[in-house]
Amino acid sequence: MPTIAATPAVTPSAPPSAPFTLTSTAFVDGGAIPSANTCDGADTSPPLSWTGVPAGTATFALIVDDPDAGGFIHWVLFDLGGAATSLGAAIPVLADGNPPQGRNSFGRVGYGGPCPPSGTHHYRFRLLALATRLSLSGGPTAGQVQAAASGHILGEAVLTGTYRRR
């Protein structure tokens, strides 16, 4: 009597989780940041949105820097609620501190757009998904936000834009 090999059971696999991504309707990853979002324009923050948020995210922190200028910091924002999926354009610094923002390398709290002295510079928008609220006060620096976030980062999404003054 011939033997019939048993067919291995097929175990349904969980669908792969979507990658944590950060995008903007103002520019594509690796593309030019519009002058409206720079010192040559209105110097307002671009709109941002994200998908694939890691499970357990309590808050987000955003740090924008210029690695071509030694990590010059353009924006620090933190304790944005974990249910958020976007930031609109032109986020102001509000008296109630919502969303809380930190001190940039221009020496002020809030967004300070690209303003390279020469050549094309790259600007990294780094969105950190955090397992906790940071509860910092007093316009913290990017270093203080990163230190407080250490050990609580569930994921990081990066969007890079470029800018060259004309």
N, C-alpha and C. Protein backbone atom coordinates (compact mmCIF):
# COMPACT_ATOMS: atom_id res chain seq x y z
N MET A 1 0.85 -1.15 0.00
CA MET A 1 0.00 0.00 0.00
C MET A 1 0.91 1.23 0.00
N PRO A 2 0.69 2.15 -0.96
CA PRO A 2 1.53 3.34 -1.02
C PRO A 2 1.25 4.26 0.17
N THR A 3 2.32 4.91 0.59
CA THR A 3 2.14 5.88 1.68
C THR A 3 1.95 7.25 1.08
N ILE A 4 1.15 7.98 1.74
CA ILE A 4 0.88 9.36 1.29
C ILE A 4 1.50 10.29 2.32
N ALA A 5 2.36 11.15 1.84
CA ALA A 5 3.01 12.12 2.73
C ALA A 5 1.98 13.15 3.17
N ALA A 6 2.03 13.41 4.41
CA ALA A 6 1.12 14.43 4.93
C ALA A 6 1.55 15.80 4.46
N THR A 7 0.60 16.58 4.09
CA THR A 7 0.88 17.95 3.67
C THR A 7 1.05 18.79 4.93
N PRO A 8 2.16 19.52 5.02
CA PRO A 8 2.35 20.34 6.22
C PRO A 8 1.21 21.35 6.35
N ALA A 9 0.83 21.57 7.56
CA ALA A 9 -0.21 22.56 7.81
C ALA A 9 0.31 23.95 7.46
N VAL A 10 -0.55 24.70 6.85
CA VAL A 10 -0.18 26.07 6.50
C VAL A 10 -0.65 26.97 7.63
N THR A 11 0.30 27.64 8.22
CA THR A 11 -0.02 28.56 9.30
C THR A 11 -0.14 29.95 8.71
N PRO A 12 -1.32 30.54 8.86
CA PRO A 12 -1.43 31.90 8.31
C PRO A 12 -0.47 32.83 9.05
N SER A 13 0.22 33.62 8.28
CA SER A 13 1.15 34.56 8.92
C SER A 13 0.47 35.90 9.07
N ALA A 14 0.90 36.61 10.07
CA ALA A 14 0.36 37.95 10.28
C ALA A 14 0.84 38.84 9.16
N PRO A 15 -0.02 39.72 8.70
CA PRO A 15 0.43 40.62 7.64
C PRO A 15 1.60 41.45 8.15
N PRO A 16 2.57 41.71 7.27
CA PRO A 16 3.71 42.52 7.73
C PRO A 16 3.21 43.91 8.12
N SER A 17 3.79 44.42 9.18
CA SER A 17 3.37 45.75 9.60
C SER A 17 3.93 46.77 8.63
N ALA A 18 3.17 47.80 8.41
CA ALA A 18 3.59 48.84 7.49
C ALA A 18 4.79 49.57 8.07
N PRO A 19 5.73 49.97 7.23
CA PRO A 19 6.87 50.72 7.76
C PRO A 19 6.43 52.09 8.28
N PHE A 20 7.12 52.55 9.28
CA PHE A 20 6.87 53.87 9.86
C PHE A 20 7.48 54.89 8.90
N THR A 21 6.64 55.68 8.25
CA THR A 21 7.12 56.63 7.24
C THR A 21 6.61 58.04 7.52
N LEU A 22 7.41 59.00 7.13
CA LEU A 22 7.11 60.42 7.27
C LEU A 22 7.13 61.05 5.89
N THR A 23 6.08 61.79 5.55
CA THR A 23 5.99 62.44 4.24
C THR A 23 5.51 63.87 4.40
N SER A 24 5.60 64.62 3.30
CA SER A 24 5.09 65.99 3.25
C SER A 24 4.47 66.23 1.89
N THR A 25 3.40 67.00 1.86
CA THR A 25 2.83 67.39 0.58
C THR A 25 3.60 68.55 -0.04
N ALA A 26 4.53 69.14 0.72
CA ALA A 26 5.31 70.28 0.23
C ALA A 26 6.54 69.85 -0.57
N PHE A 27 7.09 68.67 -0.25
CA PHE A 27 8.29 68.18 -0.96
C PHE A 27 8.39 66.67 -0.78
N VAL A 28 9.07 66.02 -1.71
CA VAL A 28 9.28 64.58 -1.63
C VAL A 28 10.61 64.29 -0.94
N ASP A 29 10.76 63.08 -0.45
CA ASP A 29 12.01 62.70 0.20
C ASP A 29 13.17 62.91 -0.77
N GLY A 30 14.16 63.67 -0.35
CA GLY A 30 15.31 63.97 -1.19
C GLY A 30 15.10 65.17 -2.10
N GLY A 31 13.89 65.73 -2.10
CA GLY A 31 13.57 66.85 -2.98
C GLY A 31 13.77 68.20 -2.32
N ALA A 32 13.57 69.23 -3.11
CA ALA A 32 13.77 70.60 -2.64
C ALA A 32 12.63 71.08 -1.75
N ILE A 33 12.99 71.70 -0.65
CA ILE A 33 12.02 72.31 0.25
C ILE A 33 11.59 73.64 -0.37
N PRO A 34 10.29 73.92 -0.46
CA PRO A 34 9.83 75.18 -1.05
C PRO A 34 10.36 76.41 -0.29
N SER A 35 10.62 77.48 -1.01
CA SER A 35 11.16 78.68 -0.37
C SER A 35 10.21 79.23 0.70
N ALA A 36 8.91 78.96 0.61
CA ALA A 36 7.96 79.42 1.63
C ALA A 36 8.32 78.87 3.01
N ASN A 37 8.99 77.72 3.03
CA ASN A 37 9.36 77.08 4.29
C ASN A 37 10.78 77.41 4.72
N THR A 38 11.35 78.48 4.16
CA THR A 38 12.74 78.86 4.43
C THR A 38 12.83 80.33 4.83
N CYS A 39 14.04 80.76 5.16
CA CYS A 39 14.26 82.16 5.52
C CYS A 39 14.06 83.09 4.33
N ASP A 40 14.03 82.55 3.12
CA ASP A 40 13.81 83.36 1.93
C ASP A 40 12.33 83.56 1.63
N GLY A 41 11.47 82.91 2.41
CA GLY A 41 10.03 83.02 2.23
C GLY A 41 9.37 83.37 3.55
N ALA A 42 8.23 82.75 3.82
CA ALA A 42 7.47 83.02 5.04
C ALA A 42 8.09 82.35 6.27
N ASP A 43 9.06 81.47 6.05
CA ASP A 43 9.77 80.77 7.14
C ASP A 43 8.78 80.01 8.03
N THR A 44 7.84 79.32 7.39
CA THR A 44 6.85 78.52 8.11
C THR A 44 7.14 77.04 7.93
N SER A 45 6.75 76.25 8.90
CA SER A 45 6.99 74.81 8.83
C SER A 45 6.13 74.18 7.74
N PRO A 46 6.66 73.14 7.08
CA PRO A 46 5.87 72.45 6.06
C PRO A 46 4.88 71.48 6.70
N PRO A 47 3.82 71.11 5.97
CA PRO A 47 2.91 70.11 6.50
C PRO A 47 3.60 68.75 6.50
N LEU A 48 3.32 67.94 7.51
CA LEU A 48 3.92 66.61 7.62
C LEU A 48 2.82 65.60 7.97
N SER A 49 2.98 64.37 7.50
CA SER A 49 2.06 63.30 7.89
C SER A 49 2.84 62.01 7.96
N TRP A 50 2.30 61.05 8.71
CA TRP A 50 3.01 59.79 8.91
C TRP A 50 2.04 58.62 8.98
N THR A 51 2.57 57.45 8.65
CA THR A 51 1.81 56.20 8.69
C THR A 51 2.69 55.11 9.28
N GLY A 52 2.06 53.98 9.60
CA GLY A 52 2.82 52.85 10.14
C GLY A 52 3.32 53.07 11.54
N VAL A 53 2.57 53.79 12.34
CA VAL A 53 2.99 54.12 13.71
C VAL A 53 3.17 52.83 14.52
N PRO A 54 4.30 52.69 15.21
CA PRO A 54 4.54 51.49 16.02
C PRO A 54 3.50 51.34 17.14
N ALA A 55 3.11 50.11 17.41
CA ALA A 55 2.17 49.83 18.50
C ALA A 55 2.76 50.34 19.81
N GLY A 56 1.90 50.88 20.66
CA GLY A 56 2.34 51.36 21.97
C GLY A 56 2.83 52.79 21.98
N THR A 57 2.74 53.49 20.85
CA THR A 57 3.21 54.88 20.79
C THR A 57 2.33 55.77 21.66
N ALA A 58 2.95 56.45 22.61
CA ALA A 58 2.24 57.38 23.49
C ALA A 58 2.35 58.81 22.99
N THR A 59 3.55 59.17 22.50
CA THR A 59 3.79 60.53 21.99
C THR A 59 4.80 60.47 20.85
N PHE A 60 4.93 61.61 20.20
CA PHE A 60 5.94 61.78 19.15
C PHE A 60 6.84 62.96 19.51
N ALA A 61 8.07 62.89 19.03
CA ALA A 61 9.00 64.02 19.09
C ALA A 61 9.52 64.22 17.67
N LEU A 62 9.73 65.46 17.28
CA LEU A 62 10.24 65.79 15.96
C LEU A 62 11.46 66.66 16.12
N ILE A 63 12.54 66.28 15.46
CA ILE A 63 13.76 67.09 15.47
C ILE A 63 14.18 67.28 14.01
N VAL A 64 14.39 68.54 13.64
CA VAL A 64 14.83 68.86 12.28
C VAL A 64 16.22 69.46 12.38
N ASP A 65 17.16 68.83 11.66
CA ASP A 65 18.53 69.34 11.71
C ASP A 65 19.13 69.42 10.31
N ASP A 66 20.29 70.07 10.23
CA ASP A 66 21.05 70.23 8.99
C ASP A 66 22.41 69.57 9.22
N PRO A 67 22.57 68.32 8.76
CA PRO A 67 23.86 67.65 8.97
C PRO A 67 25.02 68.31 8.21
N ASP A 68 24.71 69.08 7.17
CA ASP A 68 25.76 69.77 6.41
C ASP A 68 26.30 70.98 7.17
N ALA A 69 25.59 71.37 8.22
CA ALA A 69 26.02 72.50 9.06
C ALA A 69 26.31 72.01 10.47
N GLY A 70 26.88 70.82 10.56
CA GLY A 70 27.27 70.29 11.86
C GLY A 70 26.11 69.95 12.78
N GLY A 71 24.95 69.62 12.21
CA GLY A 71 23.79 69.27 13.03
C GLY A 71 23.02 70.47 13.54
N PHE A 72 23.13 71.61 12.86
CA PHE A 72 22.38 72.81 13.23
C PHE A 72 20.90 72.44 13.36
N ILE A 73 20.28 72.80 14.47
CA ILE A 73 18.89 72.42 14.76
C ILE A 73 17.92 73.50 14.28
N HIS A 74 16.94 73.08 13.49
CA HIS A 74 15.94 74.00 12.96
C HIS A 74 14.60 73.92 13.67
N TRP A 75 14.33 72.77 14.31
CA TRP A 75 13.02 72.65 14.97
C TRP A 75 13.07 71.50 15.96
N VAL A 76 12.46 71.73 17.11
CA VAL A 76 12.29 70.70 18.14
C VAL A 76 10.84 70.77 18.59
N LEU A 77 10.15 69.65 18.49
CA LEU A 77 8.75 69.57 18.91
C LEU A 77 8.61 68.24 19.64
N PHE A 78 7.85 68.18 20.72
CA PHE A 78 7.77 66.94 21.50
C PHE A 78 6.42 66.84 22.19
N ASP A 79 6.15 65.67 22.75
CA ASP A 79 4.90 65.37 23.46
C ASP A 79 3.65 65.59 22.62
N LEU A 80 3.79 65.35 21.31
CA LEU A 80 2.64 65.37 20.42
C LEU A 80 1.92 64.04 20.63
N GLY A 81 0.62 64.07 20.87
CA GLY A 81 -0.16 62.87 21.20
C GLY A 81 0.02 61.72 20.23
N GLY A 82 0.08 60.50 20.76
CA GLY A 82 0.32 59.30 19.98
C GLY A 82 -0.74 58.98 18.95
N ALA A 83 -1.92 59.57 19.04
CA ALA A 83 -2.97 59.34 18.05
C ALA A 83 -2.82 60.25 16.83
N ALA A 84 -1.94 61.24 16.91
CA ALA A 84 -1.75 62.20 15.80
C ALA A 84 -1.19 61.47 14.59
N THR A 85 -1.60 61.91 13.41
CA THR A 85 -1.08 61.36 12.16
C THR A 85 -0.53 62.44 11.25
N SER A 86 -0.56 63.69 11.73
CA SER A 86 -0.05 64.77 10.89
C SER A 86 0.15 66.04 11.70
N LEU A 87 0.89 66.95 11.09
CA LEU A 87 1.07 68.32 11.57
C LEU A 87 0.75 69.22 10.38
N GLY A 88 -0.09 70.19 10.57
CA GLY A 88 -0.40 71.10 9.48
C GLY A 88 0.78 72.03 9.20
N ALA A 89 0.65 72.81 8.18
CA ALA A 89 1.69 73.78 7.83
C ALA A 89 1.65 74.94 8.83
N ALA A 90 2.76 75.62 8.96
CA ALA A 90 2.88 76.86 9.73
C ALA A 90 2.49 76.69 11.20
N ILE A 91 3.09 75.71 11.88
CA ILE A 91 2.81 75.47 13.30
C ILE A 91 3.36 76.65 14.10
N PRO A 92 2.48 77.38 14.79
CA PRO A 92 2.96 78.53 15.57
C PRO A 92 3.44 78.11 16.95
N VAL A 93 4.13 79.00 17.61
CA VAL A 93 4.48 78.81 19.02
C VAL A 93 3.36 79.48 19.80
N LEU A 94 2.58 78.67 20.50
CA LEU A 94 1.43 79.18 21.23
C LEU A 94 1.73 79.37 22.71
N ALA A 95 1.07 80.31 23.32
CA ALA A 95 1.27 80.60 24.74
C ALA A 95 0.98 79.38 25.61
N ASP A 96 0.01 78.54 25.19
CA ASP A 96 -0.32 77.36 25.99
C ASP A 96 0.66 76.21 25.75
N GLY A 97 1.61 76.43 24.84
CA GLY A 97 2.64 75.42 24.60
C GLY A 97 2.12 74.16 23.95
N ASN A 98 1.05 74.26 23.17
CA ASN A 98 0.50 73.07 22.53
C ASN A 98 0.58 73.20 21.02
N PRO A 99 1.39 72.42 20.33
CA PRO A 99 2.27 71.40 20.87
C PRO A 99 3.52 72.01 21.49
N PRO A 100 4.09 71.34 22.49
CA PRO A 100 5.32 71.85 23.10
C PRO A 100 6.47 71.87 22.08
N GLN A 101 7.21 72.97 22.07
CA GLN A 101 8.34 73.10 21.16
C GLN A 101 9.59 73.49 21.94
N GLY A 102 10.72 73.11 21.39
CA GLY A 102 11.98 73.40 22.04
C GLY A 102 12.75 74.49 21.31
N ARG A 103 13.96 74.73 21.81
CA ARG A 103 14.83 75.79 21.31
C ARG A 103 15.65 75.27 20.13
N ASN A 104 15.66 76.05 19.05
CA ASN A 104 16.46 75.69 17.88
C ASN A 104 17.83 76.38 17.96
N SER A 105 18.67 76.12 16.99
CA SER A 105 20.03 76.70 17.00
C SER A 105 20.04 78.19 16.67
N PHE A 106 18.90 78.75 16.25
CA PHE A 106 18.80 80.20 16.07
C PHE A 106 18.62 80.89 17.42
N GLY A 107 18.38 80.08 18.48
CA GLY A 107 18.22 80.62 19.81
C GLY A 107 16.78 80.93 20.18
N ARG A 108 15.84 80.48 19.38
CA ARG A 108 14.44 80.75 19.69
C ARG A 108 13.62 79.45 19.69
N VAL A 109 12.48 79.50 20.32
CA VAL A 109 11.58 78.35 20.37
C VAL A 109 10.74 78.34 19.11
N GLY A 110 10.57 77.15 18.52
CA GLY A 110 9.75 77.00 17.33
C GLY A 110 10.57 76.69 16.10
N TYR A 111 9.91 76.76 14.95
CA TYR A 111 10.52 76.42 13.68
C TYR A 111 11.36 77.57 13.15
N GLY A 112 12.53 77.24 12.64
CA GLY A 112 13.39 78.18 11.94
C GLY A 112 13.82 77.48 10.66
N GLY A 113 13.35 77.94 9.54
CA GLY A 113 13.56 77.25 8.28
C GLY A 113 14.98 77.27 7.76
N PRO A 114 15.21 76.47 6.71
CA PRO A 114 16.52 76.43 6.07
C PRO A 114 16.98 77.82 5.63
N CYS A 115 18.28 78.06 5.83
CA CYS A 115 18.86 79.35 5.48
C CYS A 115 20.38 79.15 5.30
N PRO A 116 20.77 78.24 4.39
CA PRO A 116 22.20 77.93 4.27
C PRO A 116 23.01 79.12 3.74
N PRO A 117 24.21 79.31 4.27
CA PRO A 117 25.04 80.42 3.82
C PRO A 117 25.55 80.24 2.39
N SER A 118 25.72 78.97 1.97
CA SER A 118 26.18 78.69 0.61
C SER A 118 25.90 77.23 0.28
N GLY A 119 25.78 76.94 -0.99
CA GLY A 119 25.60 75.56 -1.44
C GLY A 119 24.26 74.96 -1.06
N THR A 120 24.11 73.70 -1.45
CA THR A 120 22.90 72.95 -1.15
C THR A 120 23.08 72.23 0.17
N HIS A 121 22.12 72.38 1.06
CA HIS A 121 22.16 71.69 2.35
C HIS A 121 21.00 70.70 2.43
N HIS A 122 21.17 69.69 3.26
CA HIS A 122 20.16 68.66 3.51
C HIS A 122 19.53 68.91 4.88
N TYR A 123 18.23 68.68 4.96
CA TYR A 123 17.50 68.91 6.20
C TYR A 123 16.75 67.63 6.55
N ARG A 124 17.10 67.07 7.72
CA ARG A 124 16.49 65.81 8.18
C ARG A 124 15.35 66.12 9.13
N PHE A 125 14.17 65.66 8.78
CA PHE A 125 13.00 65.72 9.65
C PHE A 125 12.90 64.33 10.27
N ARG A 126 13.24 64.22 11.56
CA ARG A 126 13.26 62.94 12.27
C ARG A 126 12.09 62.88 13.24
N LEU A 127 11.17 61.97 12.97
CA LEU A 127 10.00 61.79 13.84
C LEU A 127 10.22 60.55 14.69
N LEU A 128 10.22 60.72 15.99
CA LEU A 128 10.42 59.61 16.92
C LEU A 128 9.09 59.22 17.53
N ALA A 129 8.76 57.93 17.47
CA ALA A 129 7.58 57.39 18.14
C ALA A 129 8.06 56.94 19.52
N LEU A 130 7.45 57.48 20.56
CA LEU A 130 7.90 57.23 21.93
C LEU A 130 6.86 56.49 22.76
N ALA A 131 7.34 55.68 23.68
CA ALA A 131 6.46 54.91 24.56
C ALA A 131 6.01 55.70 25.77
N THR A 132 6.46 56.93 25.90
CA THR A 132 6.13 57.73 27.08
C THR A 132 6.04 59.21 26.72
N ARG A 133 5.49 59.96 27.62
CA ARG A 133 5.47 61.43 27.52
C ARG A 133 6.78 61.93 28.12
N LEU A 134 7.38 62.95 27.51
CA LEU A 134 8.66 63.46 28.00
C LEU A 134 8.49 64.50 29.10
N SER A 135 7.42 65.25 29.07
CA SER A 135 7.11 66.25 30.10
C SER A 135 8.27 67.18 30.42
N LEU A 136 8.90 67.69 29.38
CA LEU A 136 9.98 68.67 29.54
C LEU A 136 9.39 70.07 29.55
N SER A 137 10.11 71.02 30.09
CA SER A 137 9.62 72.40 30.10
C SER A 137 10.77 73.35 29.80
N GLY A 138 10.42 74.60 29.55
CA GLY A 138 11.43 75.64 29.40
C GLY A 138 12.13 75.68 28.07
N GLY A 139 11.51 75.22 26.99
CA GLY A 139 12.15 75.27 25.68
C GLY A 139 13.39 74.42 25.60
N PRO A 140 13.27 73.10 25.81
CA PRO A 140 14.44 72.23 25.81
C PRO A 140 15.14 72.18 24.45
N THR A 141 16.41 71.85 24.48
CA THR A 141 17.18 71.70 23.26
C THR A 141 16.93 70.32 22.66
N ALA A 142 17.39 70.13 21.43
CA ALA A 142 17.27 68.82 20.79
C ALA A 142 18.01 67.76 21.60
N GLY A 143 19.16 68.11 22.14
CA GLY A 143 19.93 67.18 22.96
C GLY A 143 19.17 66.75 24.20
N GLN A 144 18.46 67.68 24.82
CA GLN A 144 17.68 67.35 26.02
C GLN A 144 16.49 66.46 25.65
N VAL A 145 15.85 66.71 24.52
CA VAL A 145 14.74 65.87 24.07
C VAL A 145 15.26 64.47 23.74
N GLN A 146 16.38 64.38 23.04
CA GLN A 146 16.95 63.07 22.70
C GLN A 146 17.35 62.30 23.95
N ALA A 147 17.93 62.98 24.92
CA ALA A 147 18.33 62.32 26.16
C ALA A 147 17.11 61.79 26.91
N ALA A 148 16.05 62.59 26.98
CA ALA A 148 14.83 62.16 27.67
C ALA A 148 14.15 61.01 26.92
N ALA A 149 14.27 61.00 25.59
CA ALA A 149 13.65 59.96 24.76
C ALA A 149 14.43 58.65 24.80
N SER A 150 15.69 58.71 25.15
CA SER A 150 16.54 57.52 25.15
C SER A 150 15.90 56.40 25.97
N GLY A 151 15.84 55.22 25.39
CA GLY A 151 15.25 54.07 26.06
C GLY A 151 13.74 53.97 25.88
N HIS A 152 13.14 54.98 25.23
CA HIS A 152 11.68 54.99 25.04
C HIS A 152 11.29 55.05 23.56
N ILE A 153 12.27 54.95 22.66
CA ILE A 153 12.00 55.09 21.22
C ILE A 153 11.50 53.76 20.65
N LEU A 154 10.28 53.80 20.09
CA LEU A 154 9.68 52.62 19.49
C LEU A 154 9.95 52.56 17.99
N GLY A 155 10.21 53.72 17.39
CA GLY A 155 10.48 53.77 15.96
C GLY A 155 10.89 55.17 15.56
N GLU A 156 11.50 55.26 14.38
CA GLU A 156 11.94 56.54 13.85
C GLU A 156 11.66 56.59 12.36
N ALA A 157 11.05 57.67 11.91
CA ALA A 157 10.80 57.90 10.49
C ALA A 157 11.55 59.16 10.09
N VAL A 158 12.18 59.13 8.94
CA VAL A 158 12.99 60.27 8.50
C VAL A 158 12.56 60.72 7.11
N LEU A 159 12.44 62.02 6.95
CA LEU A 159 12.17 62.65 5.67
C LEU A 159 13.27 63.68 5.47
N THR A 160 13.93 63.64 4.32
CA THR A 160 15.03 64.57 4.05
C THR A 160 14.67 65.48 2.88
N GLY A 161 14.89 66.76 3.08
CA GLY A 161 14.70 67.74 2.02
C GLY A 161 15.98 68.50 1.80
N THR A 162 16.07 69.20 0.69
CA THR A 162 17.26 69.99 0.38
C THR A 162 16.85 71.44 0.15
N TYR A 163 17.83 72.34 0.30
CA TYR A 163 17.57 73.73 -0.03
C TYR A 163 18.88 74.41 -0.39
N ARG A 164 18.81 75.23 -1.43
CA ARG A 164 19.94 76.05 -1.89
C ARG A 164 19.40 77.45 -2.13
N ARG A 165 20.01 78.43 -1.51
CA ARG A 165 19.57 79.82 -1.71
C ARG A 165 19.96 80.29 -3.09
N ARG A 166 19.11 81.07 -3.68
CA ARG A 166 19.36 81.58 -5.04
C ARG A 166 19.98 82.95 -4.98
